[in-house]
Amino acid sequence: MRLGGGFLLAWGCLFAFAVWSSGLAFGAEGDLTLQGMLPGSGQAVPGQVGIGLQVLALMTLFSLAPGLLIMVTSFTRVVVVFSFVRQAMGLQGQPPNQVLVSLALFVTFFVMSPVFDQAYDGGIRPYLDQQITEGEAMDRVIVPFREFMLRQTREQDLALFMKLSGIDKLDKPEDVPIRLVIPAFMISELKTAFQIGFMIYLPFLIVDMVVASVVMSMGMMMLPPLVISMPIKLILFVLVDGWSLVVGSLVQSFK
């Protein structure tokens, strides 16, 4: 089975559940036993993780899932750019934060779907089919995310964290520790998001300057220019189909 869109949280929950359920087995007479967990409950499996540790790992995964989604996917760039769009138009509460975050999530799932599919096909599905171990599955799942982050990470950002960690040179990009790739990737995403936000601000800034000049030349000192410029910026944004342009440009920026 192939998950077309591929949801990271669903896959993470599925993987954690698979790890937990790997300790369950049916006995010779069909009764459900916990192998390697309780004395005399079945044939012991070497290296079997205790049920308490598995439940702890599952709860930890639930608590870290939002942070992982932000750290290793395109969510940071998307949500920051959407915030710039709202602020550039002068709309403080529209669209609401829930709408922007939800749209950013679905755009993230769209951008990351090839990476999710590679992680599922290469690591999670073989593990569920009992073809590989948990450690091998985790190593295979990390590979497509590492490749995605390295493609979007600037060399100077990665070099900064390598210098801070005392690593001089590596033979190939695959040797870079994931603890260095993630912060370098996030810094690069923030820089790219601010660059895109600056380009979005420019046309709205021009509209504000023109409206302010017209209002001042007409002697309407008591009328804030924002009252007039905001509806003008809003109608212009709608006429040029601004959301489609912003989302399309964001998706293309990850190619």
C-alpha atoms as a PDB file:
ATOM      1  CA  MET A   1       0.000   0.000   0.000  1.00  0.00           C
ATOM      2  CA  ARG A   2       1.341   3.393  -0.942  1.00  0.00           C
ATOM      3  CA  LEU A   3       0.245   6.536   0.859  1.00  0.00           C
ATOM      4  CA  GLY A   4      -0.167   9.108  -1.891  1.00  0.00           C
ATOM      5  CA  GLY A   5      -0.038  12.325   0.114  1.00  0.00           C
ATOM      6  CA  GLY A   6       1.915  10.806   3.004  1.00  0.00           C
ATOM      7  CA  PHE A   7       1.206  12.356   6.394  1.00  0.00           C
ATOM      8  CA  LEU A   8       4.253  12.501   8.653  1.00  0.00           C
ATOM      9  CA  LEU A   9       2.297  12.248  11.890  1.00  0.00           C
ATOM     10  CA  ALA A  10       0.306   9.260  10.698  1.00  0.00           C
ATOM     11  CA  TRP A  11       3.470   7.488   9.613  1.00  0.00           C
ATOM     12  CA  GLY A  12       5.186   8.282  12.875  1.00  0.00           C
ATOM     13  CA  CYS A  13       2.257   6.946  14.874  1.00  0.00           C
ATOM     14  CA  LEU A  14       2.125   3.880  12.659  1.00  0.00           C
ATOM     15  CA  PHE A  15       5.838   3.255  13.108  1.00  0.00           C
ATOM     16  CA  ALA A  16       5.628   3.698  16.882  1.00  0.00           C
ATOM     17  CA  PHE A  17       2.619   1.395  17.048  1.00  0.00           C
ATOM     18  CA  ALA A  18       4.516  -1.172  14.999  1.00  0.00           C
ATOM     19  CA  VAL A  19       7.436  -0.999  17.426  1.00  0.00           C
ATOM     20  CA  TRP A  20       5.058  -1.472  20.349  1.00  0.00           C
ATOM     21  CA  SER A  21       3.138  -4.288  18.729  1.00  0.00           C
ATOM     22  CA  SER A  22       6.328  -6.125  17.787  1.00  0.00           C
ATOM     23  CA  GLY A  23       6.412  -7.407  21.343  1.00  0.00           C
ATOM     24  CA  LEU A  24       2.991  -9.059  20.966  1.00  0.00           C
ATOM     25  CA  ALA A  25       2.772 -12.602  19.662  1.00  0.00           C
ATOM     26  CA  PHE A  26       0.293 -15.460  19.647  1.00  0.00           C
ATOM     27  CA  GLY A  27       1.200 -18.556  21.587  1.00  0.00           C
ATOM     28  CA  ALA A  28       1.087 -22.073  20.328  1.00  0.00           C
ATOM     29  CA  GLU A  29      -2.576 -22.431  21.350  1.00  0.00           C
ATOM     30  CA  GLY A  30      -3.649 -19.072  19.917  1.00  0.00           C
ATOM     31  CA  ASP A  31      -3.511 -17.066  23.162  1.00  0.00           C
ATOM     32  CA  LEU A  32      -1.960 -13.599  23.052  1.00  0.00           C
ATOM     33  CA  THR A  33       1.354 -13.398  24.891  1.00  0.00           C
ATOM     34  CA  LEU A  34       4.090 -10.854  25.433  1.00  0.00           C
ATOM     35  CA  GLN A  35       7.327 -12.375  24.228  1.00  0.00           C
ATOM     36  CA  GLY A  36      10.454 -11.359  26.075  1.00  0.00           C
ATOM     37  CA  MET A  37       8.503  -9.119  28.491  1.00  0.00           C
ATOM     38  CA  LEU A  38       7.040 -11.348  31.197  1.00  0.00           C
ATOM     39  CA  PRO A  39       8.689 -14.473  32.631  1.00  0.00           C
ATOM     40  CA  GLY A  40       7.219 -17.661  31.187  1.00  0.00           C
ATOM     41  CA  SER A  41       4.999 -15.755  28.731  1.00  0.00           C
ATOM     42  CA  GLY A  42       6.564 -17.216  25.612  1.00  0.00           C
ATOM     43  CA  GLN A  43       9.870 -17.652  23.914  1.00  0.00           C
ATOM     44  CA  ALA A  44      12.167 -14.767  24.820  1.00  0.00           C
ATOM     45  CA  VAL A  45      13.446 -12.622  21.973  1.00  0.00           C
ATOM     46  CA  PRO A  46      17.011 -11.284  22.410  1.00  0.00           C
ATOM     47  CA  GLY A  47      17.089  -7.499  22.513  1.00  0.00           C
ATOM     48  CA  GLN A  48      13.326  -7.212  23.003  1.00  0.00           C
ATOM     49  CA  VAL A  49      12.441  -3.769  24.349  1.00  0.00           C
ATOM     50  CA  GLY A  50      10.319  -3.747  27.493  1.00  0.00           C
ATOM     51  CA  ILE A  51       6.682  -2.711  27.257  1.00  0.00           C
ATOM     52  CA  GLY A  52       7.271   0.263  29.516  1.00  0.00           C
ATOM     53  CA  LEU A  53      10.041   1.638  27.314  1.00  0.00           C
ATOM     54  CA  GLN A  54       7.917   1.132  24.206  1.00  0.00           C
ATOM     55  CA  VAL A  55       5.002   3.056  25.692  1.00  0.00           C
ATOM     56  CA  LEU A  56       7.433   5.786  26.758  1.00  0.00           C
ATOM     57  CA  ALA A  57       8.820   5.945  23.201  1.00  0.00           C
ATOM     58  CA  LEU A  58       5.291   6.229  21.831  1.00  0.00           C
ATOM     59  CA  MET A  59       4.379   9.110  24.159  1.00  0.00           C
ATOM     60  CA  THR A  60       7.680  10.843  23.404  1.00  0.00           C
ATOM     61  CA  LEU A  61       6.956  10.600  19.693  1.00  0.00           C
ATOM     62  CA  PHE A  62       3.563  12.245  20.182  1.00  0.00           C
ATOM     63  CA  SER A  63       5.150  15.137  22.093  1.00  0.00           C
ATOM     64  CA  LEU A  64       7.978  15.651  19.567  1.00  0.00           C
ATOM     65  CA  ALA A  65       5.915  15.256  16.392  1.00  0.00           C
ATOM     66  CA  PRO A  66       5.019  18.987  16.032  1.00  0.00           C
ATOM     67  CA  GLY A  67       8.638  19.997  16.512  1.00  0.00           C
ATOM     68  CA  LEU A  68       9.847  17.402  14.012  1.00  0.00           C
ATOM     69  CA  LEU A  69       7.309  18.626  11.492  1.00  0.00           C
ATOM     70  CA  ILE A  70       8.689  22.162  11.810  1.00  0.00           C
ATOM     71  CA  MET A  71      12.365  21.192  11.885  1.00  0.00           C
ATOM     72  CA  VAL A  72      12.746  18.759   8.988  1.00  0.00           C
ATOM     73  CA  THR A  73      10.068  19.875   6.511  1.00  0.00           C
ATOM     74  CA  SER A  74       9.175  22.932   4.443  1.00  0.00           C
ATOM     75  CA  PHE A  75       6.695  24.183   7.054  1.00  0.00           C
ATOM     76  CA  THR A  76       8.974  26.940   8.392  1.00  0.00           C
ATOM     77  CA  ARG A  77       9.401  28.700   5.058  1.00  0.00           C
ATOM     78  CA  VAL A  78       5.733  28.388   4.144  1.00  0.00           C
ATOM     79  CA  VAL A  79       4.235  29.693   7.375  1.00  0.00           C
ATOM     80  CA  VAL A  80       6.716  32.601   7.643  1.00  0.00           C
ATOM     81  CA  VAL A  81       5.938  33.733   4.080  1.00  0.00           C
ATOM     82  CA  PHE A  82       2.196  33.529   4.763  1.00  0.00           C
ATOM     83  CA  SER A  83       2.697  35.729   7.824  1.00  0.00           C
ATOM     84  CA  PHE A  84       4.577  38.274   5.702  1.00  0.00           C
ATOM     85  CA  VAL A  85       1.702  38.351   3.206  1.00  0.00           C
ATOM     86  CA  ARG A  86      -0.833  39.114   5.933  1.00  0.00           C
ATOM     87  CA  GLN A  87       1.306  41.824   7.493  1.00  0.00           C
ATOM     88  CA  ALA A  88       2.131  43.430   4.134  1.00  0.00           C
ATOM     89  CA  MET A  89      -1.568  43.854   3.388  1.00  0.00           C
ATOM     90  CA  GLY A  90      -2.146  45.387   6.808  1.00  0.00           C
ATOM     91  CA  LEU A  91      -4.573  42.655   7.870  1.00  0.00           C
ATOM     92  CA  GLN A  92      -3.853  41.983  11.525  1.00  0.00           C
ATOM     93  CA  GLY A  93      -6.285  39.126  12.091  1.00  0.00           C
ATOM     94  CA  GLN A  94      -7.395  38.034   8.633  1.00  0.00           C
ATOM     95  CA  PRO A  95      -6.904  35.303   7.646  1.00  0.00           C
ATOM     96  CA  PRO A  96      -6.901  33.883  11.206  1.00  0.00           C
ATOM     97  CA  ASN A  97      -3.855  32.055  12.500  1.00  0.00           C
ATOM     98  CA  GLN A  98      -5.692  28.725  12.330  1.00  0.00           C
ATOM     99  CA  VAL A  99      -6.364  29.209   8.621  1.00  0.00           C
ATOM    100  CA  LEU A 100      -2.770  30.182   7.833  1.00  0.00           C
ATOM    101  CA  VAL A 101      -1.317  27.292   9.815  1.00  0.00           C
ATOM    102  CA  SER A 102      -3.738  24.807   8.255  1.00  0.00           C
ATOM    103  CA  LEU A 103      -2.927  26.041   4.749  1.00  0.00           C
ATOM    104  CA  ALA A 104       0.791  25.891   5.558  1.00  0.00           C
ATOM    105  CA  LEU A 105       0.381  22.311   6.775  1.00  0.00           C
ATOM    106  CA  PHE A 106      -1.333  21.114   3.613  1.00  0.00           C
ATOM    107  CA  VAL A 107       1.185  22.935   1.392  1.00  0.00           C
ATOM    108  CA  THR A 108       3.911  21.245   3.440  1.00  0.00           C
ATOM    109  CA  PHE A 109       2.315  17.824   2.901  1.00  0.00           C
ATOM    110  CA  PHE A 110       2.145  18.542  -0.828  1.00  0.00           C
ATOM    111  CA  VAL A 111       5.793  19.598  -1.038  1.00  0.00           C
ATOM    112  CA  MET A 112       7.038  16.783   1.186  1.00  0.00           C
ATOM    113  CA  SER A 113       4.902  13.963  -0.269  1.00  0.00           C
ATOM    114  CA  PRO A 114       7.767  12.529  -2.397  1.00  0.00           C
ATOM    115  CA  VAL A 115      10.011  12.502   0.684  1.00  0.00           C
ATOM    116  CA  PHE A 116       7.300  10.891   2.797  1.00  0.00           C
ATOM    117  CA  ASP A 117       6.715   8.233   0.151  1.00  0.00           C
ATOM    118  CA  GLN A 118      10.428   7.416  -0.038  1.00  0.00           C
ATOM    119  CA  ALA A 119      10.631   7.163   3.753  1.00  0.00           C
ATOM    120  CA  TYR A 120       7.595   4.872   3.869  1.00  0.00           C
ATOM    121  CA  ASP A 121       8.658   2.625   1.006  1.00  0.00           C
ATOM    122  CA  GLY A 122      12.292   2.435   2.079  1.00  0.00           C
ATOM    123  CA  GLY A 123      11.964   2.121   5.840  1.00  0.00           C
ATOM    124  CA  ILE A 124       8.517   1.779   7.357  1.00  0.00           C
ATOM    125  CA  ARG A 125       6.944  -0.743   4.981  1.00  0.00           C
ATOM    126  CA  PRO A 126       9.914  -3.180   5.086  1.00  0.00           C
ATOM    127  CA  TYR A 127       9.824  -2.954   8.872  1.00  0.00           C
ATOM    128  CA  LEU A 128       6.093  -3.686   8.997  1.00  0.00           C
ATOM    129  CA  ASP A 129       6.766  -6.677   6.714  1.00  0.00           C
ATOM    130  CA  GLN A 130       9.407  -7.822   9.236  1.00  0.00           C
ATOM    131  CA  GLN A 131      12.175  -7.609   6.643  1.00  0.00           C
ATOM    132  CA  ILE A 132      14.424  -5.233   8.612  1.00  0.00           C
ATOM    133  CA  THR A 133      15.012  -4.282  12.239  1.00  0.00           C
ATOM    134  CA  GLU A 134      13.981  -1.091  14.028  1.00  0.00           C
ATOM    135  CA  GLY A 135      17.471   0.405  13.742  1.00  0.00           C
ATOM    136  CA  GLU A 136      17.675  -0.252  10.011  1.00  0.00           C
ATOM    137  CA  ALA A 137      14.204   1.200   9.544  1.00  0.00           C
ATOM    138  CA  MET A 138      15.142   4.414  11.344  1.00  0.00           C
ATOM    139  CA  ASP A 139      18.330   4.758   9.287  1.00  0.00           C
ATOM    140  CA  ARG A 140      16.374   4.326   6.031  1.00  0.00           C
ATOM    141  CA  VAL A 141      13.647   6.763   7.078  1.00  0.00           C
ATOM    142  CA  ILE A 142      16.204   9.484   7.819  1.00  0.00           C
ATOM    143  CA  VAL A 143      17.908   9.236   4.407  1.00  0.00           C
ATOM    144  CA  PRO A 144      15.251  11.016   2.241  1.00  0.00           C
ATOM    145  CA  PHE A 145      14.790  13.751   4.853  1.00  0.00           C
ATOM    146  CA  ARG A 146      18.554  14.295   5.008  1.00  0.00           C
ATOM    147  CA  GLU A 147      18.728  14.584   1.212  1.00  0.00           C
ATOM    148  CA  PHE A 148      15.847  17.075   1.156  1.00  0.00           C
ATOM    149  CA  MET A 149      17.377  19.244   3.876  1.00  0.00           C
ATOM    150  CA  LEU A 150      20.821  19.230   2.269  1.00  0.00           C
ATOM    151  CA  ARG A 151      19.328  20.387  -1.048  1.00  0.00           C
ATOM    152  CA  GLN A 152      17.718  23.382   0.667  1.00  0.00           C
ATOM    153  CA  THR A 153      20.617  24.219   2.993  1.00  0.00           C
ATOM    154  CA  ARG A 154      23.179  26.854   2.095  1.00  0.00           C
ATOM    155  CA  GLU A 155      26.812  25.819   2.246  1.00  0.00           C
ATOM    156  CA  GLN A 156      27.779  28.702   4.525  1.00  0.00           C
ATOM    157  CA  ASP A 157      25.090  27.761   7.050  1.00  0.00           C
ATOM    158  CA  LEU A 158      26.226  24.153   7.102  1.00  0.00           C
ATOM    159  CA  ALA A 159      29.862  25.256   7.329  1.00  0.00           C
ATOM    160  CA  LEU A 160      28.983  27.419  10.340  1.00  0.00           C
ATOM    161  CA  PHE A 161      27.691  24.492  12.405  1.00  0.00           C
ATOM    162  CA  MET A 162      30.525  22.258  11.237  1.00  0.00           C
ATOM    163  CA  LYS A 163      32.969  24.882  12.474  1.00  0.00           C
ATOM    164  CA  LEU A 164      31.134  25.251  15.786  1.00  0.00           C
ATOM    165  CA  SER A 165      31.179  21.479  16.289  1.00  0.00           C
ATOM    166  CA  GLY A 166      34.871  21.195  15.428  1.00  0.00           C
ATOM    167  CA  ILE A 167      34.421  19.228  12.196  1.00  0.00           C
ATOM    168  CA  ASP A 168      36.873  20.365   9.544  1.00  0.00           C
ATOM    169  CA  LYS A 169      36.025  18.358   6.432  1.00  0.00           C
ATOM    170  CA  LEU A 170      33.905  15.415   5.386  1.00  0.00           C
ATOM    171  CA  ASP A 171      34.321  13.154   2.386  1.00  0.00           C
ATOM    172  CA  LYS A 172      30.682  13.349   1.230  1.00  0.00           C
ATOM    173  CA  PRO A 173      27.463  15.141   2.266  1.00  0.00           C
ATOM    174  CA  GLU A 174      25.974  11.901   3.573  1.00  0.00           C
ATOM    175  CA  ASP A 175      28.577  11.902   6.344  1.00  0.00           C
ATOM    176  CA  VAL A 176      27.268  15.139   7.873  1.00  0.00           C
ATOM    177  CA  PRO A 177      25.626  14.332  11.241  1.00  0.00           C
ATOM    178  CA  ILE A 178      21.896  14.958  11.344  1.00  0.00           C
ATOM    179  CA  ARG A 179      22.394  17.151  14.431  1.00  0.00           C
ATOM    180  CA  LEU A 180      24.233  19.621  12.188  1.00  0.00           C
ATOM    181  CA  VAL A 181      21.944  19.334   9.178  1.00  0.00           C
ATOM    182  CA  ILE A 182      18.745  20.270  11.028  1.00  0.00           C
ATOM    183  CA  PRO A 183      19.830  23.645  12.531  1.00  0.00           C
ATOM    184  CA  ALA A 184      21.628  24.618   9.310  1.00  0.00           C
ATOM    185  CA  PHE A 185      18.486  23.757   7.352  1.00  0.00           C
ATOM    186  CA  MET A 186      16.282  25.845   9.649  1.00  0.00           C
ATOM    187  CA  ILE A 187      18.564  28.894   9.369  1.00  0.00           C
ATOM    188  CA  SER A 188      18.570  28.572   5.582  1.00  0.00           C
ATOM    189  CA  GLU A 189      14.777  28.294   5.560  1.00  0.00           C
ATOM    190  CA  LEU A 190      14.404  31.437   7.662  1.00  0.00           C
ATOM    191  CA  LYS A 191      16.763  33.364   5.405  1.00  0.00           C
ATOM    192  CA  THR A 192      14.929  32.248   2.278  1.00  0.00           C
ATOM    193  CA  ALA A 193      11.555  33.062   3.855  1.00  0.00           C
ATOM    194  CA  PHE A 194      12.717  36.587   4.740  1.00  0.00           C
ATOM    195  CA  GLN A 195      14.004  37.137   1.211  1.00  0.00           C
ATOM    196  CA  ILE A 196      10.645  36.088  -0.230  1.00  0.00           C
ATOM    197  CA  GLY A 197       8.864  38.251   2.344  1.00  0.00           C
ATOM    198  CA  PHE A 198      10.915  41.283   1.305  1.00  0.00           C
ATOM    199  CA  MET A 199       9.916  40.795  -2.326  1.00  0.00           C
ATOM    200  CA  ILE A 200       6.266  40.517  -1.264  1.00  0.00           C
ATOM    201  CA  TYR A 201       6.481  43.709   0.807  1.00  0.00           C
ATOM    202  CA  LEU A 202       7.787  45.879  -2.043  1.00  0.00           C
ATOM    203  CA  PRO A 203       4.578  46.269  -4.120  1.00  0.00           C
ATOM    204  CA  PHE A 204       2.476  46.833  -1.002  1.00  0.00           C
ATOM    205  CA  LEU A 205       4.986  49.422   0.224  1.00  0.00           C
ATOM    206  CA  ILE A 206       4.699  51.280  -3.078  1.00  0.00           C
ATOM    207  CA  VAL A 207       0.913  51.352  -2.736  1.00  0.00           C
ATOM    208  CA  ASP A 208       1.226  52.741   0.803  1.00  0.00           C
ATOM    209  CA  MET A 209       3.617  55.472  -0.355  1.00  0.00           C
ATOM    210  CA  VAL A 210       1.378  56.516  -3.266  1.00  0.00           C
ATOM    211  CA  VAL A 211      -1.741  56.622  -1.109  1.00  0.00           C
ATOM    212  CA  ALA A 212       0.060  58.575   1.628  1.00  0.00           C
ATOM    213  CA  SER A 213       1.319  61.127  -0.916  1.00  0.00           C
ATOM    214  CA  VAL A 214      -2.174  61.601  -2.388  1.00  0.00           C
ATOM    215  CA  VAL A 215      -3.773  61.968   1.046  1.00  0.00           C
ATOM    216  CA  MET A 216      -1.173  64.514   2.164  1.00  0.00           C
ATOM    217  CA  SER A 217      -1.452  66.502  -1.068  1.00  0.00           C
ATOM    218  CA  MET A 218      -5.227  66.726  -0.609  1.00  0.00           C
ATOM    219  CA  GLY A 219      -4.755  68.151   2.892  1.00  0.00           C
ATOM    220  CA  MET A 220      -6.562  65.313   4.677  1.00  0.00           C
ATOM    221  CA  MET A 221      -4.236  65.316   7.649  1.00  0.00           C
ATOM    222  CA  MET A 222      -6.664  63.612  10.025  1.00  0.00           C
ATOM    223  CA  LEU A 223      -7.312  60.618   7.737  1.00  0.00           C
ATOM    224  CA  PRO A 224      -4.831  57.757   8.273  1.00  0.00           C
ATOM    225  CA  PRO A 225      -3.448  56.579   4.904  1.00  0.00           C
ATOM    226  CA  LEU A 226      -3.851  52.964   6.031  1.00  0.00           C
ATOM    227  CA  VAL A 227      -7.638  53.340   5.983  1.00  0.00           C
ATOM    228  CA  ILE A 228      -7.488  53.975   2.221  1.00  0.00           C
ATOM    229  CA  SER A 229      -4.500  51.846   1.248  1.00  0.00           C
ATOM    230  CA  MET A 230      -5.696  48.644   2.920  1.00  0.00           C
ATOM    231  CA  PRO A 231      -8.781  48.098   0.711  1.00  0.00           C
ATOM    232  CA  ILE A 232      -6.738  49.073  -2.359  1.00  0.00           C
ATOM    233  CA  LYS A 233      -4.062  46.494  -1.526  1.00  0.00           C
ATOM    234  CA  LEU A 234      -6.736  43.920  -0.804  1.00  0.00           C
ATOM    235  CA  ILE A 235      -8.531  44.347  -4.135  1.00  0.00           C
ATOM    236  CA  LEU A 236      -5.230  44.350  -6.037  1.00  0.00           C
ATOM    237  CA  PHE A 237      -4.180  41.150  -4.292  1.00  0.00           C
ATOM    238  CA  VAL A 238      -7.471  39.515  -5.217  1.00  0.00           C
ATOM    239  CA  LEU A 239      -7.361  40.717  -8.852  1.00  0.00           C
ATOM    240  CA  VAL A 240      -3.896  39.246  -9.453  1.00  0.00           C
ATOM    241  CA  ASP A 241      -4.892  35.997  -7.684  1.00  0.00           C
ATOM    242  CA  GLY A 242      -2.282  36.592  -5.040  1.00  0.00           C
ATOM    243  CA  TRP A 243      -2.680  33.413  -3.030  1.00  0.00           C
ATOM    244  CA  SER A 244      -2.164  31.237  -6.088  1.00  0.00           C
ATOM    245  CA  LEU A 245       0.949  33.219  -7.009  1.00  0.00           C
ATOM    246  CA  VAL A 246       2.371  32.986  -3.487  1.00  0.00           C
ATOM    247  CA  VAL A 247       1.668  29.268  -3.075  1.00  0.00           C
ATOM    248  CA  GLY A 248       2.912  28.476  -6.577  1.00  0.00           C
ATOM    249  CA  SER A 249       6.132  30.401  -6.008  1.00  0.00           C
ATOM    250  CA  LEU A 250       6.678  28.673  -2.674  1.00  0.00           C
ATOM    251  CA  VAL A 251       6.243  25.206  -4.164  1.00  0.00           C
ATOM    252  CA  GLN A 252       8.564  26.048  -7.062  1.00  0.00           C
ATOM    253  CA  SER A 253      11.202  27.335  -4.646  1.00  0.00           C
ATOM    254  CA  PHE A 254      11.676  23.790  -3.320  1.00  0.00           C
ATOM    255  CA  LYS A 255      12.331  22.267  -6.750  1.00  0.00           C
END
